[in-house]
Amino acid sequence: MFKTFRISYRLKGTYRVNTIIYALKHIPVVKHLLPNSLYKHYGLKVFANIVSVLWEMVSIFLGKILYFTLMFMLPLEWFGHMNTSSFLQLLFFLSIIGAFLNTGIFEPTKDKYYAVILMKMDGRQFVLSQYLYTLLRHCVGLLPCLFYLSIELQYPIWFVGVLTVAIVGLKLIVAVYRLNDFKKNHRVRTENNNSPCVIAFCIICLLLGYGLIFLNIVMPISILIGVFIASACLSIWGMIYIFKYPCYHTFSYQLLKGVSTLINMNTQDLVNDSYRKMMTMDTQIMSHKTGFEYFNELFMKRHKKILWRAAKRQAYIVLAATVLLIVVMLHADISLKVNIYKVLTTYLPYFVFFMYLMNTTKSVTQAMFINCDHSMLTYTFYRIPKNILKLFQIRLREMIKINLLPTVILGGGYGIVLIIGGGFHQLPYALIAFVSLISMSVFFSTHYLILYYLLQPYNAHTEMKNPVYSIIVSLTYVICFAFTKLSLPIFSFGIICIVFCVCYCIIACILVYKKAGDTFKIHH
């Protein structure tokens, strides 16, 4: 089994090494210094292998740290329930969701297809070795997070091991259920093809996890400890079943039978098809405008599903959450009002990350290229600087309008709750918070559209081939997430935020005017 794992790990490592070398060869300036023979250069392959191993180690911990920070620490602090009982109750419900949606054994991937179908590796040894490694990754990633929380929440150190084994036990229980279902019914439910019942069950667990804590309903700690100990004990039974299961080879072929289609069909084609299916093909759609305004309005009308659906859903969710919070504030006691008020007056920087998540411009630019610019950039008139600038201005206006829909509701709700908590003398701060949220929305709308025009990342096959674009997008995420660690007064942060967003947008638009004529083109 170890030999099988070593071969499969080297196979996965080869993908990563070639991906790293490919990325290096597409970085401006650097790409001209690197020859095509780079793929067989031993020294560089060693370096890429080291980077691959380091990334594997970082990914084990980074994902868990982000998960525990966003899903546990921030919500529990927000609700004022940073204690052992609330944490264990939330951990139980979220671990059940993870057991169904992140099993590791039911994920059809290309490396599994290559190993089992093409290389004819033993299905049982391959599945077991990969699954055990996945469980080991979970354990190693969980330990430091649970250990830190044991110090923060002051539960016994020995219970860290119980929790780790218990979470793995929940995954094993679900795996046993699904493997047994395949044995009886020859039916495989992949992680990407969960039944509606499973999805509904996961949503219920999510609502119970946060809803019960919000309503101050927490199970006794003795019951929670008993549940996790029972789950840890069941993990032994689950592991025995996993090792004795006789149908891995048949299961592997059934799981991977659809992957051959992905191998022969470019993954980007699937993305393109999904965008094209979301485009309205109604020939009755017309516009009374002229020029690029006419061109843009037709695009907007035919892409309503992509452009407005996400914004409207966000608006409904934000409106519901805002109304709920206002009702809570109106009926809450003084202490709860004061706590919520303090959070709102110091945690405005957190909304930078929230606005980053809400903004849809990045996905819309991909639709723009696939369904419009991919064809139009082949015409010379479309690449004339004044035409580029004109269409950029129109698109920026429309993207700002779309992203402002949920933002206005969020900003208005933020101001109302602030006034309820602190009185009408908080009106200036509410206005600053409102304007700063609007500025953030405009900033992200401008930012992604600017990147699209200055770094146009797609080639003629609509594949993303510009590593600089990917690096900047990743850095944007990291910087925005870093704002969740800041707590600054509304007035100082709001003013700085507004000034920065205005200056950034002005400079960015000037760069488009100066450079987009050379950069907005199809790359080969």
Foldseek 3Di string as FASTA:
>chain_A
DVVLLVVLVVVVLLVQLVVVVLQQLQAPPSVVVDDPCVSVDVVSSVVSSVVVVVVVVCVLAVVLVVCCVVQPDVLCVLLVNLADQLRLLLLVLVLLLCLQQPLQLLAADPSLCCVCPVVVDDLLVNSVSRNVVVLVSQLVNQQVVLCVSCVVRVDDNVVSVLQSLLSVLSNLVSVLVQLVCCVVPVDGAHSVRDDPVSVVSSVVSNCCSSVCVSVVHTDDVVVSSVSSNVSSVSSVVSVVCSNPRDCRSVVSCSSHVVCVVCVVDPPVVVVLVVLVVQFAPDPPDADPDDDLVRVVVNRCVRNVCLQAVLLVVLQVVLLVVLVVLVVCLVPDDLVSLQSNLLCLFWQLLLCLLVLVVSQRLQVVLLSCCSVPVLPVLVDPVCLDLVNQLVNLVVQLVSSLVNSVSNLQSNLVSSLVSNCSSPNPVCNVLSVLSSLLSSLSNSLVSLVNSLCCLQAVQAASSSDGSNVVSVVVVVVSNVVSNVSSVGTHGSVVVSVVSNVVSVVVNVVSSVCSSVHSSPNRHHDD
